[in-house]
Every structure is written in structure tokens, then in C-alpha cells.
Amino acid sequence: MSNNAKSNTFVECVLDGDAFDTDIDDFVDRWRESNETRSLAAYLGFSESEYALWVEQPASLRMILYYKRYGQEIEGDINWDEAHLLAARSMSEGESNILISWLRKKGYLK
């Protein structure tokens, strides 16, 4: 992680190539150790919906980052059928199965 990563959100750092998705725990630790006034969601660069999804289903992180890369938010009008296809492409089979199960449990997929 570069020094620039300290002033940017996790999402910005990942999308700029300054951090990996696996660095998220480092960002959470940095937030905990700081006097940061932003919520953890804001510090990471997530909307509240994205943060809630990540907390419940950490395997969704790659899908969230995919949507962020293309300027889309995971909330409201999202096409969950399309989202699970993206998840299948961007995650391992086990991760995508967990996310698909969660989406079904929440009623987003049939």
C-alpha cells in the first residue's frame, strides 16, 4: 500500500491500484486507531447499503468494487439477476454461491 492510501478511502485506493481488496482489514484497523469523524462506511468509501452488504456478506466485496469501478451503487434499482452473474464472474465458486444464497434469503433472487 502506498502512502497515498492513508488519505484516500479504501475504494479509491483499490480502484487507483494503490491497494488490494485484501487490504480492507488494514483500513478498518487504521480507522479504529484514528480520530476519524467519518463512519467506517464513509471511511472505506461505501454507501450505507454497500457497507451493510459487506458486513453481512464479506464475499460480496469484489462485486461491490466492480460496481464502484463502473460508477454504480448497489442499492435501490439494482438488477440482482445481473448482480449475481457479475458475482459469479468476479468471485470464486464458493464465494459466489454464498452471495447467491444470501441474495435469495433476502428476497432479491428467486
PDB file of N, CA and C in Angstrom:
ATOM      1  N   MET A   1       0.836  -1.161   0.000  1.00  0.00           N
ATOM      2  CA  MET A   1       0.000   0.000   0.000  1.00  0.00           C
ATOM      3  C   MET A   1       0.886   1.229   0.000  1.00  0.00           C
ATOM      4  N   SER A   2       0.607   2.193  -0.826  1.00  0.00           N
ATOM      5  CA  SER A   2       1.405   3.407  -0.880  1.00  0.00           C
ATOM      6  C   SER A   2       1.006   4.366   0.231  1.00  0.00           C
ATOM      7  N   ASN A   3       1.813   5.391   0.464  1.00  0.00           N
ATOM      8  CA  ASN A   3       1.491   6.405   1.469  1.00  0.00           C
ATOM      9  C   ASN A   3       0.231   7.165   1.115  1.00  0.00           C
ATOM     10  N   ASN A   4      -0.053   7.281  -0.176  1.00  0.00           N
ATOM     11  CA  ASN A   4      -1.260   7.950  -0.645  1.00  0.00           C
ATOM     12  C   ASN A   4      -2.513   7.274  -0.111  1.00  0.00           C
ATOM     13  N   ALA A   5      -2.412   5.976   0.173  1.00  0.00           N
ATOM     14  CA  ALA A   5      -3.556   5.207   0.635  1.00  0.00           C
ATOM     15  C   ALA A   5      -4.097   5.734   1.956  1.00  0.00           C
ATOM     16  N   LYS A   6      -3.264   6.429   2.750  1.00  0.00           N
ATOM     17  CA  LYS A   6      -3.696   6.904   4.064  1.00  0.00           C
ATOM     18  C   LYS A   6      -4.718   8.022   3.968  1.00  0.00           C
ATOM     19  N   SER A   7      -4.719   8.806   2.907  1.00  0.00           N
ATOM     20  CA  SER A   7      -5.642   9.928   2.808  1.00  0.00           C
ATOM     21  C   SER A   7      -6.875   9.617   1.970  1.00  0.00           C
ATOM     22  N   ASN A   8      -6.858   8.546   1.235  1.00  0.00           N
ATOM     23  CA  ASN A   8      -7.976   8.170   0.378  1.00  0.00           C
ATOM     24  C   ASN A   8      -8.782   7.053   1.014  1.00  0.00           C
ATOM     25  N   THR A   9     -10.002   6.892   0.526  1.00  0.00           N
ATOM     26  CA  THR A   9     -10.816   5.783   1.006  1.00  0.00           C
ATOM     27  C   THR A   9     -10.263   4.472   0.463  1.00  0.00           C
ATOM     28  N   PHE A  10     -10.673   3.399   1.088  1.00  0.00           N
ATOM     29  CA  PHE A  10     -10.300   2.070   0.628  1.00  0.00           C
ATOM     30  C   PHE A  10     -10.698   1.882  -0.833  1.00  0.00           C
ATOM     31  N   VAL A  11     -11.924   2.239  -1.165  1.00  0.00           N
ATOM     32  CA  VAL A  11     -12.411   2.055  -2.539  1.00  0.00           C
ATOM     33  C   VAL A  11     -11.550   2.844  -3.517  1.00  0.00           C
ATOM     34  N   GLU A  12     -11.247   4.102  -3.207  1.00  0.00           N
ATOM     35  CA  GLU A  12     -10.408   4.913  -4.097  1.00  0.00           C
ATOM     36  C   GLU A  12      -9.041   4.272  -4.299  1.00  0.00           C
ATOM     37  N   CYS A  13      -8.464   3.789  -3.198  1.00  0.00           N
ATOM     38  CA  CYS A  13      -7.135   3.165  -3.292  1.00  0.00           C
ATOM     39  C   CYS A  13      -7.154   1.910  -4.152  1.00  0.00           C
ATOM     40  N   VAL A  14      -8.171   1.086  -3.984  1.00  0.00           N
ATOM     41  CA  VAL A  14      -8.262  -0.135  -4.791  1.00  0.00           C
ATOM     42  C   VAL A  14      -8.460   0.223  -6.259  1.00  0.00           C
ATOM     43  N   LEU A  15      -9.371   1.134  -6.539  1.00  0.00           N
ATOM     44  CA  LEU A  15      -9.645   1.483  -7.933  1.00  0.00           C
ATOM     45  C   LEU A  15      -8.477   2.192  -8.603  1.00  0.00           C
ATOM     46  N   ASP A  16      -7.653   2.893  -7.792  1.00  0.00           N
ATOM     47  CA  ASP A  16      -6.461   3.566  -8.325  1.00  0.00           C
ATOM     48  C   ASP A  16      -5.258   2.629  -8.417  1.00  0.00           C
ATOM     49  N   GLY A  17      -5.400   1.408  -7.918  1.00  0.00           N
ATOM     50  CA  GLY A  17      -4.300   0.456  -7.951  1.00  0.00           C
ATOM     51  C   GLY A  17      -3.303   0.631  -6.814  1.00  0.00           C
ATOM     52  N   ASP A  18      -3.670   1.408  -5.795  1.00  0.00           N
ATOM     53  CA  ASP A  18      -2.779   1.642  -4.653  1.00  0.00           C
ATOM     54  C   ASP A  18      -2.996   0.655  -3.519  1.00  0.00           C
ATOM     55  N   ALA A  19      -4.007  -0.193  -3.621  1.00  0.00           N
ATOM     56  CA  ALA A  19      -4.304  -1.186  -2.585  1.00  0.00           C
ATOM     57  C   ALA A  19      -5.002  -2.367  -3.252  1.00  0.00           C
ATOM     58  N   PHE A  20      -5.019  -3.470  -2.535  1.00  0.00           N
ATOM     59  CA  PHE A  20      -5.721  -4.667  -2.987  1.00  0.00           C
ATOM     60  C   PHE A  20      -6.997  -4.827  -2.178  1.00  0.00           C
ATOM     61  N   ASP A  21      -7.943  -5.583  -2.705  1.00  0.00           N
ATOM     62  CA  ASP A  21      -9.171  -5.826  -1.945  1.00  0.00           C
ATOM     63  C   ASP A  21      -8.877  -6.502  -0.609  1.00  0.00           C
ATOM     64  N   THR A  22      -7.797  -7.240  -0.546  1.00  0.00           N
ATOM     65  CA  THR A  22      -7.421  -7.924   0.692  1.00  0.00           C
ATOM     66  C   THR A  22      -6.881  -6.971   1.757  1.00  0.00           C
ATOM     67  N   ASP A  23      -6.658  -5.705   1.411  1.00  0.00           N
ATOM     68  CA  ASP A  23      -6.159  -4.704   2.367  1.00  0.00           C
ATOM     69  C   ASP A  23      -7.263  -4.090   3.213  1.00  0.00           C
ATOM     70  N   ILE A  24      -8.500  -4.513   3.036  1.00  0.00           N
ATOM     71  CA  ILE A  24      -9.612  -3.867   3.734  1.00  0.00           C
ATOM     72  C   ILE A  24      -9.449  -3.914   5.248  1.00  0.00           C
ATOM     73  N   ASP A  25      -8.925  -5.006   5.782  1.00  0.00           N
ATOM     74  CA  ASP A  25      -8.743  -5.095   7.236  1.00  0.00           C
ATOM     75  C   ASP A  25      -7.742  -4.055   7.740  1.00  0.00           C
ATOM     76  N   ASP A  26      -6.731  -3.746   6.927  1.00  0.00           N
ATOM     77  CA  ASP A  26      -5.779  -2.697   7.299  1.00  0.00           C
ATOM     78  C   ASP A  26      -6.476  -1.341   7.397  1.00  0.00           C
ATOM     79  N   PHE A  27      -7.397  -1.082   6.480  1.00  0.00           N
ATOM     80  CA  PHE A  27      -8.144   0.176   6.509  1.00  0.00           C
ATOM     81  C   PHE A  27      -9.058   0.237   7.730  1.00  0.00           C
ATOM     82  N   VAL A  28      -9.692  -0.888   8.055  1.00  0.00           N
ATOM     83  CA  VAL A  28     -10.557  -0.933   9.238  1.00  0.00           C
ATOM     84  C   VAL A  28      -9.719  -0.680  10.490  1.00  0.00           C
ATOM     85  N   ASP A  29      -8.557  -1.310  10.584  1.00  0.00           N
ATOM     86  CA  ASP A  29      -7.672  -1.097  11.739  1.00  0.00           C
ATOM     87  C   ASP A  29      -7.224   0.350  11.829  1.00  0.00           C
ATOM     88  N   ARG A  30      -6.871   0.937  10.694  1.00  0.00           N
ATOM     89  CA  ARG A  30      -6.439   2.343  10.675  1.00  0.00           C
ATOM     90  C   ARG A  30      -7.566   3.250  11.159  1.00  0.00           C
ATOM     91  N   TRP A  31      -8.808   2.960  10.746  1.00  0.00           N
ATOM     92  CA  TRP A  31      -9.964   3.752  11.181  1.00  0.00           C
ATOM     93  C   TRP A  31     -10.142   3.638  12.696  1.00  0.00           C
ATOM     94  N   ARG A  32     -10.040   2.421  13.203  1.00  0.00           N
ATOM     95  CA  ARG A  32     -10.204   2.197  14.650  1.00  0.00           C
ATOM     96  C   ARG A  32      -9.157   2.948  15.468  1.00  0.00           C
ATOM     97  N   GLU A  33      -7.949   3.044  14.958  1.00  0.00           N
ATOM     98  CA  GLU A  33      -6.838   3.663  15.678  1.00  0.00           C
ATOM     99  C   GLU A  33      -6.777   5.181  15.482  1.00  0.00           C
ATOM    100  N   SER A  34      -7.644   5.713  14.637  1.00  0.00           N
ATOM    101  CA  SER A  34      -7.601   7.142  14.324  1.00  0.00           C
ATOM    102  C   SER A  34      -8.659   7.909  15.111  1.00  0.00           C
ATOM    103  N   ASN A  35      -8.626   9.203  14.937  1.00  0.00           N
ATOM    104  CA  ASN A  35      -9.667  10.087  15.478  1.00  0.00           C
ATOM    105  C   ASN A  35     -10.653  10.459  14.380  1.00  0.00           C
ATOM    106  N   GLU A  36     -10.791   9.591  13.426  1.00  0.00           N
ATOM    107  CA  GLU A  36     -11.640   9.829  12.254  1.00  0.00           C
ATOM    108  C   GLU A  36     -13.072  10.123  12.678  1.00  0.00           C
ATOM    109  N   THR A  37     -13.657  11.163  12.094  1.00  0.00           N
ATOM    110  CA  THR A  37     -15.039  11.527  12.415  1.00  0.00           C
ATOM    111  C   THR A  37     -16.048  10.892  11.465  1.00  0.00           C
ATOM    112  N   ARG A  38     -15.573  10.425  10.316  1.00  0.00           N
ATOM    113  CA  ARG A  38     -16.483   9.758   9.379  1.00  0.00           C
ATOM    114  C   ARG A  38     -16.827   8.369   9.898  1.00  0.00           C
ATOM    115  N   SER A  39     -17.990   7.883   9.495  1.00  0.00           N
ATOM    116  CA  SER A  39     -18.361   6.499   9.802  1.00  0.00           C
ATOM    117  C   SER A  39     -17.378   5.573   9.096  1.00  0.00           C
ATOM    118  N   LEU A  40     -17.330   4.320   9.540  1.00  0.00           N
ATOM    119  CA  LEU A  40     -16.462   3.358   8.873  1.00  0.00           C
ATOM    120  C   LEU A  40     -16.884   3.193   7.424  1.00  0.00           C
ATOM    121  N   ALA A  41     -18.180   3.194   7.167  1.00  0.00           N
ATOM    122  CA  ALA A  41     -18.667   3.070   5.781  1.00  0.00           C
ATOM    123  C   ALA A  41     -18.086   4.180   4.915  1.00  0.00           C
ATOM    124  N   ALA A  42     -18.176   5.413   5.377  1.00  0.00           N
ATOM    125  CA  ALA A  42     -17.660   6.556   4.615  1.00  0.00           C
ATOM    126  C   ALA A  42     -16.137   6.475   4.483  1.00  0.00           C
ATOM    127  N   TYR A  43     -15.463   6.082   5.545  1.00  0.00           N
ATOM    128  CA  TYR A  43     -14.010   5.969   5.530  1.00  0.00           C
ATOM    129  C   TYR A  43     -13.554   4.955   4.485  1.00  0.00           C
ATOM    130  N   LEU A  44     -14.313   3.866   4.358  1.00  0.00           N
ATOM    131  CA  LEU A  44     -13.986   2.847   3.364  1.00  0.00           C
ATOM    132  C   LEU A  44     -14.403   3.261   1.959  1.00  0.00           C
ATOM    133  N   GLY A  45     -15.348   4.195   1.852  1.00  0.00           N
ATOM    134  CA  GLY A  45     -15.833   4.625   0.543  1.00  0.00           C
ATOM    135  C   GLY A  45     -17.090   3.907   0.103  1.00  0.00           C
ATOM    136  N   PHE A  46     -17.802   3.304   1.058  1.00  0.00           N
ATOM    137  CA  PHE A  46     -19.033   2.570   0.775  1.00  0.00           C
ATOM    138  C   PHE A  46     -20.247   3.438   1.064  1.00  0.00           C
ATOM    139  N   SER A  47     -21.322   3.218   0.317  1.00  0.00           N
ATOM    140  CA  SER A  47     -22.624   3.740   0.706  1.00  0.00           C
ATOM    141  C   SER A  47     -23.087   2.896   1.892  1.00  0.00           C
ATOM    142  N   GLU A  48     -24.123   3.328   2.562  1.00  0.00           N
ATOM    143  CA  GLU A  48     -24.641   2.547   3.695  1.00  0.00           C
ATOM    144  C   GLU A  48     -25.114   1.165   3.244  1.00  0.00           C
ATOM    145  N   SER A  49     -25.730   1.094   2.057  1.00  0.00           N
ATOM    146  CA  SER A  49     -26.195  -0.207   1.535  1.00  0.00           C
ATOM    147  C   SER A  49     -25.031  -1.133   1.220  1.00  0.00           C
ATOM    148  N   GLU A  50     -23.997  -0.587   0.612  1.00  0.00           N
ATOM    149  CA  GLU A  50     -22.819  -1.395   0.289  1.00  0.00           C
ATOM    150  C   GLU A  50     -22.142  -1.886   1.568  1.00  0.00           C
ATOM    151  N   TYR A  51     -22.060  -1.000   2.545  1.00  0.00           N
ATOM    152  CA  TYR A  51     -21.448  -1.365   3.818  1.00  0.00           C
ATOM    153  C   TYR A  51     -22.238  -2.491   4.496  1.00  0.00           C
ATOM    154  N   ALA A  52     -23.567  -2.352   4.504  1.00  0.00           N
ATOM    155  CA  ALA A  52     -24.418  -3.386   5.113  1.00  0.00           C
ATOM    156  C   ALA A  52     -24.235  -4.724   4.396  1.00  0.00           C
ATOM    157  N   LEU A  53     -24.169  -4.691   3.080  1.00  0.00           N
ATOM    158  CA  LEU A  53     -23.963  -5.925   2.316  1.00  0.00           C
ATOM    159  C   LEU A  53     -22.612  -6.538   2.660  1.00  0.00           C
ATOM    160  N   TRP A  54     -21.565  -5.728   2.706  1.00  0.00           N
ATOM    161  CA  TRP A  54     -20.225  -6.231   3.012  1.00  0.00           C
ATOM    162  C   TRP A  54     -20.154  -6.815   4.425  1.00  0.00           C
ATOM    163  N   VAL A  55     -20.798  -6.151   5.399  1.00  0.00           N
ATOM    164  CA  VAL A  55     -20.781  -6.649   6.778  1.00  0.00           C
ATOM    165  C   VAL A  55     -21.468  -8.008   6.860  1.00  0.00           C
ATOM    166  N   GLU A  56     -22.604  -8.135   6.176  1.00  0.00           N
ATOM    167  CA  GLU A  56     -23.342  -9.403   6.216  1.00  0.00           C
ATOM    168  C   GLU A  56     -22.698 -10.474   5.347  1.00  0.00           C
ATOM    169  N   GLN A  57     -22.116 -10.058   4.239  1.00  0.00           N
ATOM    170  CA  GLN A  57     -21.538 -10.997   3.278  1.00  0.00           C
ATOM    171  C   GLN A  57     -20.187 -10.476   2.797  1.00  0.00           C
ATOM    172  N   PRO A  58     -19.131 -10.691   3.559  1.00  0.00           N
ATOM    173  CA  PRO A  58     -17.814 -10.191   3.155  1.00  0.00           C
ATOM    174  C   PRO A  58     -17.390 -10.642   1.754  1.00  0.00           C
ATOM    175  N   ALA A  59     -17.894 -11.789   1.308  1.00  0.00           N
ATOM    176  CA  ALA A  59     -17.546 -12.277  -0.033  1.00  0.00           C
ATOM    177  C   ALA A  59     -18.077 -11.371  -1.134  1.00  0.00           C
ATOM    178  N   SER A  60     -18.954 -10.435  -0.788  1.00  0.00           N
ATOM    179  CA  SER A  60     -19.514  -9.515  -1.782  1.00  0.00           C
ATOM    180  C   SER A  60     -18.562  -8.383  -2.145  1.00  0.00           C
ATOM    181  N   LEU A  61     -17.430  -8.285  -1.469  1.00  0.00           N
ATOM    182  CA  LEU A  61     -16.523  -7.151  -1.663  1.00  0.00           C
ATOM    183  C   LEU A  61     -16.133  -6.963  -3.123  1.00  0.00           C
ATOM    184  N   ARG A  62     -15.774  -8.018  -3.807  1.00  0.00           N
ATOM    185  CA  ARG A  62     -15.360  -7.874  -5.215  1.00  0.00           C
ATOM    186  C   ARG A  62     -16.494  -7.363  -6.079  1.00  0.00           C
ATOM    187  N   MET A  63     -17.713  -7.799  -5.790  1.00  0.00           N
ATOM    188  CA  MET A  63     -18.852  -7.313  -6.558  1.00  0.00           C
ATOM    189  C   MET A  63     -19.076  -5.829  -6.276  1.00  0.00           C
ATOM    190  N   ILE A  64     -18.975  -5.426  -5.017  1.00  0.00           N
ATOM    191  CA  ILE A  64     -19.129  -4.011  -4.661  1.00  0.00           C
ATOM    192  C   ILE A  64     -18.084  -3.181  -5.395  1.00  0.00           C
ATOM    193  N   LEU A  65     -16.848  -3.639  -5.394  1.00  0.00           N
ATOM    194  CA  LEU A  65     -15.779  -2.911  -6.085  1.00  0.00           C
ATOM    195  C   LEU A  65     -16.020  -2.855  -7.591  1.00  0.00           C
ATOM    196  N   TYR A  66     -16.565  -3.926  -8.140  1.00  0.00           N
ATOM    197  CA  TYR A  66     -16.896  -3.934  -9.568  1.00  0.00           C
ATOM    198  C   TYR A  66     -17.915  -2.833  -9.874  1.00  0.00           C
ATOM    199  N   TYR A  67     -18.959  -2.754  -9.067  1.00  0.00           N
ATOM    200  CA  TYR A  67     -19.971  -1.721  -9.278  1.00  0.00           C
ATOM    201  C   TYR A  67     -19.388  -0.336  -9.097  1.00  0.00           C
ATOM    202  N   LYS A  68     -18.513  -0.160  -8.110  1.00  0.00           N
ATOM    203  CA  LYS A  68     -17.868   1.136  -7.879  1.00  0.00           C
ATOM    204  C   LYS A  68     -17.022   1.535  -9.085  1.00  0.00           C
ATOM    205  N   ARG A  69     -16.314   0.564  -9.640  1.00  0.00           N
ATOM    206  CA  ARG A  69     -15.449   0.855 -10.797  1.00  0.00           C
ATOM    207  C   ARG A  69     -16.258   1.449 -11.948  1.00  0.00           C
ATOM    208  N   TYR A  70     -17.499   1.005 -12.098  1.00  0.00           N
ATOM    209  CA  TYR A  70     -18.331   1.475 -13.203  1.00  0.00           C
ATOM    210  C   TYR A  70     -19.358   2.513 -12.765  1.00  0.00           C
ATOM    211  N   GLY A  71     -19.141   3.103 -11.580  1.00  0.00           N
ATOM    212  CA  GLY A  71     -19.963   4.219 -11.126  1.00  0.00           C
ATOM    213  C   GLY A  71     -21.388   3.860 -10.772  1.00  0.00           C
ATOM    214  N   GLN A  72     -21.628   2.634 -10.369  1.00  0.00           N
ATOM    215  CA  GLN A  72     -22.974   2.209  -9.996  1.00  0.00           C
ATOM    216  C   GLN A  72     -23.025   1.924  -8.507  1.00  0.00           C
ATOM    217  N   GLU A  73     -24.170   2.174  -7.907  1.00  0.00           N
ATOM    218  CA  GLU A  73     -24.378   1.911  -6.490  1.00  0.00           C
ATOM    219  C   GLU A  73     -25.193   0.628  -6.333  1.00  0.00           C
ATOM    220  N   ILE A  74     -24.895  -0.132  -5.292  1.00  0.00           N
ATOM    221  CA  ILE A  74     -25.652  -1.353  -5.014  1.00  0.00           C
ATOM    222  C   ILE A  74     -26.782  -0.974  -4.075  1.00  0.00           C
ATOM    223  N   GLU A  75     -27.806  -0.417  -4.623  1.00  0.00           N
ATOM    224  CA  GLU A  75     -28.982  -0.073  -3.833  1.00  0.00           C
ATOM    225  C   GLU A  75     -30.150   0.219  -4.765  1.00  0.00           C
ATOM    226  N   GLY A  76     -31.312   0.235  -4.204  1.00  0.00           N
ATOM    227  CA  GLY A  76     -32.496   0.635  -4.940  1.00  0.00           C
ATOM    228  C   GLY A  76     -32.805  -0.200  -6.155  1.00  0.00           C
ATOM    229  N   ASP A  77     -32.498   0.341  -7.316  1.00  0.00           N
ATOM    230  CA  ASP A  77     -32.932  -0.252  -8.577  1.00  0.00           C
ATOM    231  C   ASP A  77     -31.976  -1.289  -9.150  1.00  0.00           C
ATOM    232  N   ILE A  78     -31.070  -1.780  -8.356  1.00  0.00           N
ATOM    233  CA  ILE A  78     -30.105  -2.732  -8.886  1.00  0.00           C
ATOM    234  C   ILE A  78     -30.811  -3.961  -9.461  1.00  0.00           C
ATOM    235  N   ASN A  79     -30.304  -4.436 -10.550  1.00  0.00           N
ATOM    236  CA  ASN A  79     -30.804  -5.658 -11.162  1.00  0.00           C
ATOM    237  C   ASN A  79     -30.056  -6.827 -10.519  1.00  0.00           C
ATOM    238  N   TRP A  80     -30.668  -7.456  -9.516  1.00  0.00           N
ATOM    239  CA  TRP A  80     -29.980  -8.504  -8.757  1.00  0.00           C
ATOM    240  C   TRP A  80     -29.706  -9.736  -9.595  1.00  0.00           C
ATOM    241  N   ASP A  81     -30.516  -9.986 -10.629  1.00  0.00           N
ATOM    242  CA  ASP A  81     -30.203 -11.109 -11.520  1.00  0.00           C
ATOM    243  C   ASP A  81     -28.866 -10.869 -12.210  1.00  0.00           C
ATOM    244  N   GLU A  82     -28.654  -9.621 -12.645  1.00  0.00           N
ATOM    245  CA  GLU A  82     -27.386  -9.248 -13.262  1.00  0.00           C
ATOM    246  C   GLU A  82     -26.262  -9.282 -12.224  1.00  0.00           C
ATOM    247  N   ALA A  83     -26.552  -8.836 -11.024  1.00  0.00           N
ATOM    248  CA  ALA A  83     -25.544  -8.786  -9.966  1.00  0.00           C
ATOM    249  C   ALA A  83     -25.005 -10.166  -9.641  1.00  0.00           C
ATOM    250  N   HIS A  84     -25.891 -11.158  -9.590  1.00  0.00           N
ATOM    251  CA  HIS A  84     -25.368 -12.483  -9.247  1.00  0.00           C
ATOM    252  C   HIS A  84     -24.527 -13.056 -10.379  1.00  0.00           C
ATOM    253  N   LEU A  85     -24.814 -12.671 -11.611  1.00  0.00           N
ATOM    254  CA  LEU A  85     -23.960 -13.097 -12.725  1.00  0.00           C
ATOM    255  C   LEU A  85     -22.585 -12.449 -12.616  1.00  0.00           C
ATOM    256  N   LEU A  86     -22.560 -11.156 -12.234  1.00  0.00           N
ATOM    257  CA  LEU A  86     -21.289 -10.474 -12.022  1.00  0.00           C
ATOM    258  C   LEU A  86     -20.515 -11.131 -10.884  1.00  0.00           C
ATOM    259  N   ALA A  87     -21.221 -11.484  -9.844  1.00  0.00           N
ATOM    260  CA  ALA A  87     -20.580 -12.130  -8.707  1.00  0.00           C
ATOM    261  C   ALA A  87     -19.939 -13.440  -9.137  1.00  0.00           C
ATOM    262  N   ALA A  88     -20.641 -14.174  -9.955  1.00  0.00           N
ATOM    263  CA  ALA A  88     -20.120 -15.462 -10.415  1.00  0.00           C
ATOM    264  C   ALA A  88     -18.843 -15.272 -11.223  1.00  0.00           C
ATOM    265  N   ARG A  89     -18.752 -14.182 -11.974  1.00  0.00           N
ATOM    266  CA  ARG A  89     -17.557 -13.925 -12.773  1.00  0.00           C
ATOM    267  C   ARG A  89     -16.405 -13.386 -11.941  1.00  0.00           C
ATOM    268  N   SER A  90     -16.714 -12.625 -10.885  1.00  0.00           N
ATOM    269  CA  SER A  90     -15.658 -11.939 -10.162  1.00  0.00           C
ATOM    270  C   SER A  90     -15.208 -12.649  -8.893  1.00  0.00           C
ATOM    271  N   MET A  91     -15.868 -13.728  -8.520  1.00  0.00           N
ATOM    272  CA  MET A  91     -15.546 -14.426  -7.279  1.00  0.00           C
ATOM    273  C   MET A  91     -15.258 -15.888  -7.555  1.00  0.00           C
ATOM    274  N   SER A  92     -14.705 -16.529  -6.543  1.00  0.00           N
ATOM    275  CA  SER A  92     -14.545 -17.974  -6.644  1.00  0.00           C
ATOM    276  C   SER A  92     -15.937 -18.599  -6.583  1.00  0.00           C
ATOM    277  N   GLU A  93     -16.034 -19.858  -6.963  1.00  0.00           N
ATOM    278  CA  GLU A  93     -17.338 -20.528  -6.956  1.00  0.00           C
ATOM    279  C   GLU A  93     -17.950 -20.539  -5.560  1.00  0.00           C
ATOM    280  N   GLY A  94     -17.153 -20.819  -4.560  1.00  0.00           N
ATOM    281  CA  GLY A  94     -17.655 -20.853  -3.180  1.00  0.00           C
ATOM    282  C   GLY A  94     -18.170 -19.498  -2.731  1.00  0.00           C
ATOM    283  N   GLU A  95     -17.413 -18.423  -3.040  1.00  0.00           N
ATOM    284  CA  GLU A  95     -17.835 -17.075  -2.665  1.00  0.00           C
ATOM    285  C   GLU A  95     -19.133 -16.693  -3.367  1.00  0.00           C
ATOM    286  N   SER A  96     -19.207 -16.979  -4.665  1.00  0.00           N
ATOM    287  CA  SER A  96     -20.411 -16.595  -5.404  1.00  0.00           C
ATOM    288  C   SER A  96     -21.621 -17.384  -4.916  1.00  0.00           C
ATOM    289  N   ASN A  97     -21.445 -18.662  -4.550  1.00  0.00           N
ATOM    290  CA  ASN A  97     -22.562 -19.450  -4.022  1.00  0.00           C
ATOM    291  C   ASN A  97     -23.069 -18.876  -2.712  1.00  0.00           C
ATOM    292  N   ILE A  98     -22.157 -18.429  -1.845  1.00  0.00           N
ATOM    293  CA  ILE A  98     -22.552 -17.815  -0.574  1.00  0.00           C
ATOM    294  C   ILE A  98     -23.350 -16.545  -0.839  1.00  0.00           C
ATOM    295  N   LEU A  99     -22.860 -15.711  -1.765  1.00  0.00           N
ATOM    296  CA  LEU A  99     -23.558 -14.466  -2.069  1.00  0.00           C
ATOM    297  C   LEU A  99     -24.921 -14.746  -2.698  1.00  0.00           C
ATOM    298  N   ILE A 100     -24.988 -15.679  -3.605  1.00  0.00           N
ATOM    299  CA  ILE A 100     -26.266 -16.008  -4.245  1.00  0.00           C
ATOM    300  C   ILE A 100     -27.257 -16.522  -3.210  1.00  0.00           C
ATOM    301  N   SER A 101     -26.805 -17.343  -2.277  1.00  0.00           N
ATOM    302  CA  SER A 101     -27.684 -17.828  -1.201  1.00  0.00           C
ATOM    303  C   SER A 101     -28.207 -16.666  -0.373  1.00  0.00           C
ATOM    304  N   TRP A 102     -27.336 -15.716  -0.056  1.00  0.00           N
ATOM    305  CA  TRP A 102     -27.741 -14.558   0.731  1.00  0.00           C
ATOM    306  C   TRP A 102     -28.766 -13.719  -0.035  1.00  0.00           C
ATOM    307  N   LEU A 103     -28.522 -13.507  -1.335  1.00  0.00           N
ATOM    308  CA  LEU A 103     -29.461 -12.729  -2.150  1.00  0.00           C
ATOM    309  C   LEU A 103     -30.829 -13.408  -2.183  1.00  0.00           C
ATOM    310  N   ARG A 104     -30.852 -14.728  -2.260  1.00  0.00           N
ATOM    311  CA  ARG A 104     -32.115 -15.465  -2.235  1.00  0.00           C
ATOM    312  C   ARG A 104     -32.796 -15.328  -0.873  1.00  0.00           C
ATOM    313  N   LYS A 105     -32.020 -15.461   0.186  1.00  0.00           N
ATOM    314  CA  LYS A 105     -32.558 -15.350   1.544  1.00  0.00           C
ATOM    315  C   LYS A 105     -33.178 -13.980   1.779  1.00  0.00           C
ATOM    316  N   LYS A 106     -32.563 -12.941   1.249  1.00  0.00           N
ATOM    317  CA  LYS A 106     -33.072 -11.580   1.411  1.00  0.00           C
ATOM    318  C   LYS A 106     -34.225 -11.264   0.454  1.00  0.00           C
ATOM    319  N   GLY A 107     -34.516 -12.189  -0.471  1.00  0.00           N
ATOM    320  CA  GLY A 107     -35.611 -11.992  -1.397  1.00  0.00           C
ATOM    321  C   GLY A 107     -35.251 -11.242  -2.659  1.00  0.00           C
ATOM    322  N   TYR A 108     -33.947 -11.027  -2.898  1.00  0.00           N
ATOM    323  CA  TYR A 108     -33.521 -10.320  -4.097  1.00  0.00           C
ATOM    324  C   TYR A 108     -33.516 -11.226  -5.321  1.00  0.00           C
ATOM    325  N   LEU A 109     -33.336 -12.521  -5.103  1.00  0.00           N
ATOM    326  CA  LEU A 109     -33.368 -13.505  -6.191  1.00  0.00           C
ATOM    327  C   LEU A 109     -34.388 -14.578  -5.843  1.00  0.00           C
ATOM    328  N   LYS A 110     -34.950 -15.181  -6.873  1.00  0.00           N
ATOM    329  CA  LYS A 110     -35.917 -16.270  -6.670  1.00  0.00           C
ATOM    330  C   LYS A 110     -35.227 -17.597  -6.716  1.00  0.00           C
TER     331      LYS A 110
END
